[in-house]
N, C-alpha and C. Protein backbone atom coordinates (compact mmCIF):
# COMPACT_ATOMS: atom_id res chain seq x y z
N UNK A 1 94.37 125.44 91.25
CA UNK A 1 93.21 125.80 91.98
C UNK A 1 93.17 125.60 93.39
N UNK A 2 93.08 126.73 93.86
CA UNK A 2 93.21 127.11 95.29
C UNK A 2 92.64 125.66 96.02
N UNK A 3 93.51 125.41 97.25
CA UNK A 3 93.01 123.82 97.85
C UNK A 3 91.75 124.05 98.23
N UNK A 4 91.16 124.88 99.14
CA UNK A 4 89.92 125.22 99.64
C UNK A 4 89.16 124.60 98.73
N UNK A 5 89.09 125.44 97.30
CA UNK A 5 88.16 125.59 96.97
C UNK A 5 87.85 124.25 96.19
N UNK A 6 89.03 123.57 95.89
CA UNK A 6 88.53 122.01 95.54
C UNK A 6 88.18 121.21 96.17
N UNK A 7 88.70 121.28 97.45
CA UNK A 7 88.31 120.62 98.57
C UNK A 7 86.59 120.81 98.91
N UNK A 8 86.35 121.84 98.74
CA UNK A 8 84.62 122.54 98.80
C UNK A 8 83.69 121.96 97.79
N UNK A 9 84.62 121.74 96.83
CA UNK A 9 83.81 121.38 95.20
C UNK A 9 84.01 119.87 95.54
N UNK A 10 84.79 119.09 95.57
CA UNK A 10 85.12 117.62 96.03
C UNK A 10 84.06 117.42 96.94
N UNK A 11 83.72 118.30 97.89
CA UNK A 11 82.66 117.21 98.76
C UNK A 11 81.42 118.03 98.62
N UNK A 12 81.34 118.44 97.77
CA UNK A 12 79.83 119.43 97.22
C UNK A 12 79.27 120.01 98.52
N UNK A 13 80.42 120.58 99.18
CA UNK A 13 80.05 122.01 99.89
C UNK A 13 80.07 123.24 99.66
N UNK A 14 79.12 123.96 99.88
CA UNK A 14 78.48 125.12 99.35
C UNK A 14 79.37 126.23 100.67
N UNK A 15 79.82 127.62 100.27
CA UNK A 15 80.45 128.46 100.92
C UNK A 15 79.84 128.64 102.16
N UNK A 16 78.47 129.14 102.14
CA UNK A 16 78.02 129.52 103.44
C UNK A 16 77.52 128.44 104.16
N UNK A 17 77.54 127.21 103.67
CA UNK A 17 77.85 125.89 104.60
C UNK A 17 78.77 125.80 105.56
N UNK A 18 79.74 126.07 104.91
CA UNK A 18 81.14 125.77 105.54
C UNK A 18 81.13 127.53 106.72
N UNK A 19 80.70 128.14 106.27
CA UNK A 19 80.88 129.73 107.04
C UNK A 19 79.91 129.30 108.24
N UNK A 20 78.82 128.35 107.93
CA UNK A 20 77.85 128.13 108.93
C UNK A 20 79.02 127.32 110.25
N UNK A 21 79.50 126.40 109.59
CA UNK A 21 80.05 125.48 110.48
C UNK A 21 81.17 126.05 111.22
N UNK A 22 82.06 127.02 110.66
CA UNK A 22 82.45 127.50 111.03
C UNK A 22 82.62 128.82 112.16
N UNK A 23 81.19 129.33 112.15
CA UNK A 23 80.75 130.42 112.88
C UNK A 23 81.23 131.53 111.82
N UNK A 24 81.67 132.04 110.94
CA UNK A 24 81.96 132.93 110.22
C UNK A 24 81.30 133.36 108.96
N UNK A 25 81.27 134.77 108.28
CA UNK A 25 80.62 135.05 107.38
C UNK A 25 81.08 134.39 105.96
N UNK A 26 80.04 134.05 105.01
CA UNK A 26 80.14 133.73 103.64
C UNK A 26 81.82 134.31 102.91
N UNK A 27 81.67 136.03 103.16
CA UNK A 27 82.46 136.49 102.64
C UNK A 27 83.97 136.14 103.04
N UNK A 28 84.00 135.45 104.12
CA UNK A 28 85.55 135.49 104.73
C UNK A 28 86.05 134.13 103.79
N UNK A 29 85.14 132.98 103.60
CA UNK A 29 85.34 131.92 102.80
C UNK A 29 85.73 132.39 101.52
N UNK A 30 85.12 133.58 100.74
CA UNK A 30 84.88 133.94 99.67
C UNK A 30 86.66 134.72 99.37
N UNK A 31 87.04 135.10 100.79
CA UNK A 31 88.37 135.93 100.56
C UNK A 31 89.46 135.11 100.33
N UNK A 32 89.23 133.85 101.33
CA UNK A 32 89.90 132.57 101.42
C UNK A 32 90.29 132.08 100.24
N UNK A 33 89.34 132.10 99.37
CA UNK A 33 89.10 130.93 98.11
C UNK A 33 90.14 132.21 97.03
N UNK A 34 89.61 133.09 97.07
CA UNK A 34 90.33 134.10 96.04
C UNK A 34 91.68 134.65 96.67
N UNK A 35 92.45 134.00 97.55
CA UNK A 35 93.57 134.47 98.18
C UNK A 35 93.32 135.91 98.60
N UNK A 36 92.72 136.51 98.67
CA UNK A 36 92.71 137.81 99.33
C UNK A 36 93.18 137.70 100.90
N UNK A 37 93.25 136.77 101.69
CA UNK A 37 93.35 136.42 102.99
C UNK A 37 93.45 135.00 102.84
N UNK A 38 94.28 135.00 104.14
CA UNK A 38 95.35 133.40 104.24
C UNK A 38 93.92 132.73 105.24
N UNK A 39 93.99 131.67 105.16
CA UNK A 39 93.04 131.08 106.29
C UNK A 39 93.39 131.56 107.79
N UNK A 40 93.09 131.99 108.50
CA UNK A 40 93.69 132.05 110.01
C UNK A 40 94.08 131.13 110.60
N UNK A 41 94.96 130.90 111.52
CA UNK A 41 95.53 129.79 111.98
C UNK A 41 94.54 129.08 112.92
N UNK A 42 93.81 129.52 113.38
CA UNK A 42 92.87 129.05 114.30
C UNK A 42 91.97 128.32 113.34
N UNK A 43 91.70 128.48 112.49
CA UNK A 43 90.60 127.52 111.40
C UNK A 43 91.43 126.57 110.93
N UNK A 44 92.41 126.33 110.60
CA UNK A 44 92.90 125.37 110.07
C UNK A 44 93.06 123.79 110.75
N UNK A 45 92.89 123.70 112.03
CA UNK A 45 92.75 122.37 112.75
C UNK A 45 91.31 122.44 112.43
N UNK A 46 90.72 123.16 112.29
CA UNK A 46 89.43 122.84 112.51
C UNK A 46 88.62 122.52 110.97
N UNK A 47 89.43 122.84 110.51
CA UNK A 47 89.42 122.57 108.57
C UNK A 47 89.78 120.98 108.45
N UNK A 48 90.87 120.71 109.31
CA UNK A 48 91.62 119.68 108.84
C UNK A 48 90.92 118.59 109.36
N UNK A 49 90.02 118.87 110.81
CA UNK A 49 89.33 117.94 111.39
C UNK A 49 87.83 117.59 110.67
N UNK A 50 87.35 118.73 110.06
CA UNK A 50 85.62 118.50 109.27
C UNK A 50 86.24 117.79 108.07
N UNK A 51 87.16 117.80 107.37
CA UNK A 51 87.63 117.18 106.21
C UNK A 51 88.56 116.09 106.29
N UNK A 52 89.04 116.10 107.28
CA UNK A 52 89.97 114.93 107.57
C UNK A 52 91.43 114.92 106.43
N UNK A 53 91.68 116.14 106.37
CA UNK A 53 92.62 116.43 104.81
C UNK A 53 93.85 117.30 105.67
N UNK A 54 94.81 117.13 105.66
CA UNK A 54 96.30 117.55 106.39
C UNK A 54 96.09 119.45 106.27
N UNK A 55 96.17 119.96 106.91
CA UNK A 55 95.96 121.57 106.83
C UNK A 55 96.87 122.34 105.70
N UNK A 56 98.01 121.66 105.10
CA UNK A 56 98.54 122.53 104.23
C UNK A 56 98.06 122.34 103.19
N UNK A 57 97.13 121.22 102.57
CA UNK A 57 96.31 121.80 101.68
C UNK A 57 95.37 122.76 101.14
N UNK A 58 94.89 123.22 102.41
CA UNK A 58 93.74 124.46 102.06
C UNK A 58 94.43 125.67 101.58
N UNK A 59 95.42 125.64 101.81
CA UNK A 59 95.96 126.97 101.39
C UNK A 59 96.70 127.53 100.33
N UNK A 60 97.20 126.31 99.21
CA UNK A 60 97.76 126.79 98.50
C UNK A 60 97.25 126.02 97.32
N UNK A 61 98.05 126.21 96.27
CA UNK A 61 97.92 126.06 94.87
C UNK A 61 98.06 124.35 94.11
N UNK A 62 96.77 123.91 94.25
CA UNK A 62 97.32 122.67 93.97
C UNK A 62 97.78 121.84 92.65
N UNK A 63 98.80 120.85 93.00
CA UNK A 63 99.18 120.00 91.74
C UNK A 63 98.49 118.89 91.70
N UNK A 64 98.45 118.34 90.32
CA UNK A 64 97.87 117.33 89.98
C UNK A 64 97.86 115.98 91.22
N UNK A 65 99.42 115.92 92.01
CA UNK A 65 99.29 114.73 92.73
C UNK A 65 98.77 115.38 94.20
N UNK A 66 98.51 116.56 94.41
CA UNK A 66 97.73 117.17 95.63
C UNK A 66 96.50 116.77 95.37
N UNK A 67 96.03 117.03 94.21
CA UNK A 67 94.17 116.68 94.09
C UNK A 67 94.30 115.30 94.36
N UNK A 68 95.12 114.12 93.58
CA UNK A 68 95.03 112.80 93.81
C UNK A 68 95.18 112.54 95.10
N UNK A 69 95.90 113.21 95.81
CA UNK A 69 96.14 112.56 97.53
C UNK A 69 94.84 113.14 97.96
N UNK A 70 94.84 114.29 97.87
CA UNK A 70 93.49 114.36 98.34
C UNK A 70 91.99 113.44 98.40
N UNK A 71 91.84 113.00 96.86
CA UNK A 71 90.47 111.95 96.32
C UNK A 71 90.72 111.02 96.86
N UNK A 72 92.11 110.64 97.28
CA UNK A 72 92.51 109.27 97.99
C UNK A 72 91.98 109.37 99.58
N UNK A 73 92.21 110.45 100.14
CA UNK A 73 91.77 110.82 101.74
C UNK A 73 90.17 110.72 101.78
N UNK A 74 89.60 111.20 100.64
CA UNK A 74 87.94 111.34 100.78
C UNK A 74 87.48 109.90 100.49
N UNK A 75 88.31 109.25 99.85
CA UNK A 75 87.71 108.07 99.61
C UNK A 75 87.79 106.94 100.77
N UNK A 76 89.18 107.34 101.50
CA UNK A 76 89.28 106.32 102.50
C UNK A 76 87.93 106.45 103.68
N UNK A 77 87.81 108.07 103.86
CA UNK A 77 86.62 108.14 104.81
C UNK A 77 85.34 107.81 104.33
N UNK A 78 84.93 107.89 102.98
CA UNK A 78 83.88 107.14 102.77
C UNK A 78 83.84 105.63 102.57
N UNK A 79 85.20 104.99 101.77
CA UNK A 79 84.81 103.61 101.36
C UNK A 79 85.30 102.53 103.13
N UNK A 80 85.90 103.33 104.11
CA UNK A 80 86.69 103.02 105.09
C UNK A 80 87.45 101.49 104.93
N UNK A 81 88.32 101.48 103.98
CA UNK A 81 89.01 100.29 103.25
C UNK A 81 90.17 99.39 104.42
N UNK A 82 89.81 98.29 104.34
CA UNK A 82 90.74 97.46 105.23
C UNK A 82 91.99 97.07 104.40
N UNK A 83 92.87 96.98 104.84
CA UNK A 83 94.31 96.27 104.31
C UNK A 83 94.27 94.64 104.26
N UNK A 84 94.21 94.33 103.40
CA UNK A 84 94.33 93.00 102.97
C UNK A 84 95.75 92.27 102.97
N UNK A 85 96.18 93.22 102.53
CA UNK A 85 98.06 92.40 102.37
C UNK A 85 99.03 93.73 102.06
N UNK A 86 100.12 93.42 102.01
CA UNK A 86 101.19 94.29 101.62
C UNK A 86 101.90 93.67 100.47
N UNK A 87 102.53 94.64 99.07
CA UNK A 87 103.18 94.30 98.06
C UNK A 87 104.38 94.95 98.34
N UNK A 88 105.71 94.08 98.21
CA UNK A 88 106.84 94.98 97.92
C UNK A 88 107.05 95.57 96.81
N UNK A 89 107.28 96.60 96.53
CA UNK A 89 107.72 97.33 95.39
C UNK A 89 108.49 98.46 95.48
N UNK A 90 109.55 98.68 94.09
CA UNK A 90 110.49 99.28 94.31
C UNK A 90 109.58 100.98 94.50
N UNK A 91 110.40 101.63 95.47
CA UNK A 91 110.17 103.15 96.41
C UNK A 91 109.89 104.05 94.67
N UNK A 92 109.04 104.51 94.80
CA UNK A 92 109.11 106.23 94.06
C UNK A 92 109.53 107.43 94.35
N UNK A 93 109.58 107.06 96.08
CA UNK A 93 110.36 108.33 96.45
C UNK A 93 111.92 108.29 96.63
N UNK A 94 112.20 109.51 96.19
CA UNK A 94 113.75 109.56 96.54
C UNK A 94 114.25 109.57 97.65
N UNK A 95 113.40 110.32 98.91
CA UNK A 95 113.90 109.53 100.14
C UNK A 95 113.88 108.19 100.92
N UNK A 96 112.69 107.55 99.96
CA UNK A 96 112.54 106.19 100.87
C UNK A 96 113.79 104.98 100.07
N UNK A 97 113.67 104.19 101.02
CA UNK A 97 114.88 102.83 100.61
C UNK A 97 114.52 102.47 99.37
N UNK A 98 115.29 101.41 99.00
CA UNK A 98 114.67 100.86 97.48
C UNK A 98 113.59 100.63 97.52
N UNK A 99 113.34 99.02 98.29
CA UNK A 99 111.92 98.48 98.13
C UNK A 99 111.43 99.08 99.52
N UNK A 100 110.00 99.24 99.41
CA UNK A 100 109.03 99.38 100.26
C UNK A 100 107.84 98.48 100.38
N UNK A 101 107.08 98.34 101.50
CA UNK A 101 106.03 97.56 101.75
C UNK A 101 104.29 98.42 101.16
N UNK A 102 104.06 98.29 100.24
CA UNK A 102 102.60 99.25 99.77
C UNK A 102 101.56 98.34 99.93
N UNK A 103 100.52 98.77 100.69
CA UNK A 103 99.46 98.14 101.56
C UNK A 103 98.30 97.98 100.28
N UNK A 104 97.83 96.85 100.28
CA UNK A 104 96.74 96.33 98.90
C UNK A 104 95.42 96.38 99.94
N UNK A 105 94.55 97.17 99.38
CA UNK A 105 93.40 97.44 100.20
C UNK A 105 92.30 96.33 99.56
N UNK A 106 90.86 96.29 100.23
CA UNK A 106 89.88 95.24 100.05
C UNK A 106 89.17 96.31 99.08
N UNK A 107 88.66 97.55 98.85
CA UNK A 107 88.39 98.28 97.67
C UNK A 107 89.50 98.69 96.84
N UNK A 108 88.96 98.09 95.28
CA UNK A 108 89.61 98.08 93.81
C UNK A 108 89.58 99.86 93.89
N UNK A 109 89.10 101.02 94.27
CA UNK A 109 88.76 102.17 94.21
C UNK A 109 90.27 102.63 95.00
N UNK A 110 90.27 102.14 96.04
CA UNK A 110 91.53 102.79 96.74
C UNK A 110 92.91 102.32 96.16
N UNK A 111 93.17 101.08 95.55
CA UNK A 111 94.32 100.79 95.17
C UNK A 111 94.67 101.00 93.65
N UNK A 112 93.26 101.86 92.94
CA UNK A 112 93.38 102.06 91.54
C UNK A 112 93.77 103.68 91.91
N UNK A 113 93.02 104.62 92.96
CA UNK A 113 94.07 105.86 93.03
C UNK A 113 95.24 105.66 93.54
N UNK A 114 95.92 104.78 94.20
CA UNK A 114 97.27 104.54 94.69
C UNK A 114 97.71 104.43 93.62
N UNK A 115 97.66 103.88 92.37
CA UNK A 115 98.19 103.57 91.11
C UNK A 115 98.56 104.68 90.53
N UNK A 116 97.08 105.56 90.52
CA UNK A 116 97.43 106.89 90.08
C UNK A 116 98.48 107.73 90.68
N UNK A 117 98.48 107.78 92.13
CA UNK A 117 99.47 108.80 92.29
C UNK A 117 100.81 108.33 91.99
N UNK A 118 100.84 106.99 92.28
CA UNK A 118 102.40 106.37 91.28
C UNK A 118 102.78 106.97 90.38
N UNK A 119 101.56 106.80 89.28
CA UNK A 119 102.16 107.53 87.84
C UNK A 119 102.31 109.09 88.20
N UNK A 120 101.36 109.69 88.68
CA UNK A 120 101.88 111.06 89.02
C UNK A 120 103.11 111.45 89.76
N UNK A 121 103.19 110.50 90.43
CA UNK A 121 104.88 110.60 91.10
C UNK A 121 106.15 110.60 90.01
N UNK A 122 105.34 109.61 89.35
CA UNK A 122 106.94 109.01 88.24
C UNK A 122 106.72 110.12 87.29
N UNK A 123 105.17 110.51 86.86
CA UNK A 123 105.65 111.73 85.93
C UNK A 123 106.45 113.11 86.00
N UNK A 124 106.33 113.23 87.72
CA UNK A 124 106.82 114.32 87.74
C UNK A 124 108.39 114.46 88.09
N UNK A 125 108.87 113.15 88.24
CA UNK A 125 110.30 112.94 88.30
C UNK A 125 110.93 112.84 87.02
N UNK A 126 110.31 112.16 85.86
CA UNK A 126 110.43 112.27 84.95
C UNK A 126 110.69 113.45 84.04
N UNK A 127 109.44 114.51 84.49
CA UNK A 127 109.82 115.95 84.22
C UNK A 127 111.02 116.79 84.55
N UNK A 128 111.17 116.45 85.98
CA UNK A 128 112.23 117.03 86.69
C UNK A 128 113.51 116.80 85.93
N UNK A 129 113.63 115.28 85.49
CA UNK A 129 114.94 114.97 85.22
C UNK A 129 115.04 115.19 83.64
N UNK A 130 113.92 115.87 82.80
CA UNK A 130 114.18 116.41 81.61
C UNK A 130 114.38 118.03 81.99
N UNK A 131 113.88 118.63 82.73
CA UNK A 131 114.33 119.95 82.76
C UNK A 131 116.12 120.03 83.03
N UNK A 132 116.61 119.27 83.16
CA UNK A 132 118.18 119.26 83.43
C UNK A 132 118.64 119.28 81.66
N UNK A 133 117.77 118.70 81.22
CA UNK A 133 118.30 118.26 79.40
C UNK A 133 118.79 119.36 78.45
N UNK A 134 118.14 120.76 79.49
CA UNK A 134 118.95 121.95 78.32
C UNK A 134 120.52 121.65 78.23
N UNK A 135 120.92 121.35 79.23
CA UNK A 135 122.52 121.40 79.67
C UNK A 135 123.14 119.94 79.40
N UNK A 136 122.14 119.23 78.92
CA UNK A 136 122.51 117.30 78.69
C UNK A 136 122.47 117.21 76.99
N UNK A 137 123.74 116.77 76.92
CA UNK A 137 123.72 116.39 75.17
C UNK A 137 122.99 115.76 74.68
N UNK A 138 122.37 114.71 75.66
CA UNK A 138 121.50 113.24 75.56
C UNK A 138 120.18 113.36 75.53
N UNK A 139 119.61 114.52 75.08
CA UNK A 139 118.14 114.67 75.15
C UNK A 139 117.53 113.95 74.37
N UNK A 140 118.33 113.46 73.43
CA UNK A 140 117.31 112.65 72.28
C UNK A 140 117.35 110.67 72.80
N UNK A 141 118.50 111.09 74.21
CA UNK A 141 117.93 109.47 74.74
C UNK A 141 116.58 109.53 75.90
N UNK A 142 116.02 110.86 75.75
CA UNK A 142 115.14 110.62 76.44
C UNK A 142 113.78 110.41 75.73
N UNK A 143 113.90 110.94 74.40
CA UNK A 143 113.09 110.52 73.35
C UNK A 143 112.94 109.15 73.15
N UNK A 144 114.21 108.57 72.96
CA UNK A 144 114.52 107.41 72.62
C UNK A 144 113.24 106.58 73.84
N UNK A 145 113.70 106.59 75.15
CA UNK A 145 113.46 106.16 75.93
C UNK A 145 111.73 106.10 76.14
N UNK A 146 111.50 107.10 75.51
CA UNK A 146 109.77 107.32 75.13
C UNK A 146 109.26 106.35 74.45
N UNK A 147 109.79 106.54 73.33
CA UNK A 147 109.57 105.71 72.33
C UNK A 147 109.76 104.02 72.66
N UNK A 148 110.80 103.71 73.16
CA UNK A 148 110.44 102.34 73.72
C UNK A 148 109.48 102.30 74.69
N UNK A 149 109.27 102.89 75.79
CA UNK A 149 107.88 102.52 76.39
C UNK A 149 106.67 102.30 75.96
N UNK A 150 106.89 103.65 74.80
CA UNK A 150 105.82 103.58 74.07
C UNK A 150 105.26 102.06 72.87
N UNK A 151 106.35 101.47 72.67
CA UNK A 151 106.06 100.43 71.54
C UNK A 151 106.65 99.11 72.30
N UNK A 152 107.19 99.06 73.35
CA UNK A 152 107.76 97.95 74.03
C UNK A 152 107.93 97.78 75.76
N UNK A 153 106.61 98.48 76.18
CA UNK A 153 107.00 98.86 77.45
C UNK A 153 106.81 97.01 78.00
N UNK A 154 105.71 96.28 77.39
CA UNK A 154 105.84 95.15 77.93
C UNK A 154 106.58 93.51 77.86
N UNK A 155 107.38 94.27 76.67
CA UNK A 155 108.62 93.12 76.42
C UNK A 155 109.74 93.09 77.42
N UNK A 156 109.75 91.89 77.75
CA UNK A 156 110.54 91.00 78.81
C UNK A 156 112.17 91.76 78.61
N UNK A 157 112.77 91.85 77.42
CA UNK A 157 113.81 92.19 77.30
C UNK A 157 114.19 93.43 77.85
N UNK A 158 113.34 94.60 77.55
CA UNK A 158 113.02 95.86 77.97
C UNK A 158 113.84 96.15 78.97
N UNK A 159 112.46 95.34 80.28
CA UNK A 159 112.58 95.23 81.48
C UNK A 159 113.88 94.66 82.29
N UNK A 160 114.43 93.38 81.27
CA UNK A 160 115.89 92.97 81.89
C UNK A 160 116.75 93.94 81.94
N UNK A 161 116.81 94.39 80.36
CA UNK A 161 117.84 95.36 80.29
C UNK A 161 118.02 96.73 81.25
N UNK A 162 116.53 97.11 81.26
CA UNK A 162 116.57 98.38 82.59
C UNK A 162 117.07 98.09 83.71
N UNK A 163 116.72 96.59 84.21
CA UNK A 163 117.04 96.48 85.50
C UNK A 163 118.60 95.77 85.83
N UNK A 164 119.32 95.91 84.63
CA UNK A 164 120.66 95.13 84.04
C UNK A 164 120.98 96.52 84.31
N UNK A 165 120.92 97.93 83.53
CA UNK A 165 121.58 98.97 83.86
C UNK A 165 121.53 99.70 85.43
N UNK A 166 120.26 99.30 85.78
CA UNK A 166 120.24 100.47 87.12
C UNK A 166 121.16 99.18 88.03
N UNK A 167 121.52 97.85 87.66
CA UNK A 167 122.14 97.19 88.89
C UNK A 167 123.88 97.90 88.55
N UNK A 168 124.04 97.93 87.05
CA UNK A 168 125.07 98.23 86.54
C UNK A 168 125.56 99.67 86.98
N UNK A 169 124.71 100.66 86.62
CA UNK A 169 124.92 101.92 87.32
C UNK A 169 124.96 102.42 88.69
N UNK A 170 124.65 101.11 89.42
CA UNK A 170 124.49 100.99 91.00
C UNK A 170 123.36 102.36 91.46
N UNK A 171 122.47 102.18 90.54
CA UNK A 171 121.02 102.98 91.01
C UNK A 171 120.39 101.82 91.87
N UNK A 172 120.78 100.63 91.78
CA UNK A 172 119.42 99.84 92.36
C UNK A 172 121.19 99.02 93.21
N UNK A 173 120.89 98.36 94.60
CA UNK A 173 121.88 98.13 94.99
C UNK A 173 122.03 96.28 94.66
N UNK A 174 122.90 95.48 94.73
CA UNK A 174 122.97 93.79 94.22
C UNK A 174 121.96 93.30 94.71
N UNK A 175 121.42 93.90 96.24
CA UNK A 175 120.48 92.53 96.77
C UNK A 175 119.29 92.53 96.29
N UNK A 176 119.30 93.41 95.48
CA UNK A 176 117.51 93.60 94.74
C UNK A 176 117.68 92.92 93.29
N UNK A 177 117.35 91.85 93.28
CA UNK A 177 117.71 91.01 91.91
C UNK A 177 116.35 90.10 91.69
N UNK A 178 115.56 90.11 90.40
CA UNK A 178 114.49 89.66 90.32
C UNK A 178 114.57 88.05 90.51
N UNK A 179 115.43 87.49 89.57
CA UNK A 179 115.51 85.95 89.79
C UNK A 179 117.11 85.52 89.40
N UNK A 180 117.15 84.14 89.18
CA UNK A 180 118.29 83.79 88.67
C UNK A 180 118.78 83.94 87.45
N UNK A 181 117.57 84.26 86.54
CA UNK A 181 117.81 84.13 85.19
C UNK A 181 117.91 85.78 84.77
N UNK A 182 117.86 86.47 85.55
CA UNK A 182 118.07 88.23 85.57
C UNK A 182 119.81 88.01 85.94
N UNK A 183 120.11 87.25 86.92
CA UNK A 183 121.47 87.30 87.23
C UNK A 183 122.27 87.07 86.14
N UNK A 184 121.90 85.59 85.47
CA UNK A 184 122.48 85.20 84.34
C UNK A 184 122.64 86.54 83.36
N UNK A 185 121.62 86.84 82.80
CA UNK A 185 120.96 87.93 82.00
C UNK A 185 122.34 88.97 82.16
N UNK A 186 122.00 89.49 83.49
CA UNK A 186 122.95 90.82 83.71
C UNK A 186 124.61 90.42 83.40
N UNK A 187 125.00 89.14 83.68
CA UNK A 187 126.33 89.19 83.73
C UNK A 187 127.11 89.08 82.45
N UNK A 188 125.73 88.59 81.59
CA UNK A 188 126.68 88.50 80.13
C UNK A 188 126.51 90.60 79.72
N UNK A 189 125.43 90.82 80.17
CA UNK A 189 125.54 92.07 79.77
C UNK A 189 126.12 93.11 79.93
N UNK A 190 126.87 92.92 81.50
CA UNK A 190 127.95 93.71 81.97
C UNK A 190 129.15 93.63 81.37
N UNK A 191 129.57 92.27 80.85
CA UNK A 191 130.65 91.99 80.14
C UNK A 191 131.07 93.02 78.75
N UNK A 192 129.41 93.16 78.14
CA UNK A 192 129.44 93.83 76.98
C UNK A 192 129.91 95.42 76.96
N UNK A 193 129.12 95.91 78.56
CA UNK A 193 129.34 97.37 78.91
C UNK A 193 130.28 97.35 79.23
N UNK A 194 131.17 96.79 80.02
CA UNK A 194 132.40 96.83 80.47
C UNK A 194 133.43 97.06 79.05
N UNK A 195 133.12 96.17 77.77
CA UNK A 195 133.97 96.24 76.87
C UNK A 195 133.69 97.74 76.39
N UNK A 196 132.53 98.38 76.24
CA UNK A 196 132.37 99.32 75.96
C UNK A 196 132.37 100.86 76.23
N UNK A 197 133.01 100.53 77.72
CA UNK A 197 133.15 101.43 79.03
C UNK A 197 134.42 101.74 78.89
N UNK A 198 135.25 101.28 78.49
CA UNK A 198 136.68 101.62 78.98
C UNK A 198 137.27 102.40 77.52
């Protein structure tokens, strides 16, 4: 869906109402939404200020992640949330450091949409990882990971093993460590892995 169309629907704004705010004809809005014309550059800052949404969203076909980001911005405008605290989490972005401080808001609606955004980012990264599977002889491993998550995602052994593998394969640096019992678990796991890795 075109970004402008999605934003207008989300804000319950008619084409004629936006046209009036911009001082243009309704037909211009229709042309922008149908992709027959780009939104002129002079209107992008106006739209950005009107909706408090980055200009990049107005002219593109939106992904599910884009839609969630737009919903979050709308909620922030409506609820005016306050950051109560920060929580240290493993980063979901490839460019970011390993650990980041994530704000925790006083409004559960904002926290919930943040979790939905995190899930969408994970799904996108998992999908990208699977896309290379055509040339990957271990595609059944992806299926096994999904089965494990479906059946055992709340099992401590799964979490300990995944974190251990992340350390062993140097996906996580050594300074990121859950606790002392995890370190003990990993030292025993690494002995087994080393035996099979040579």
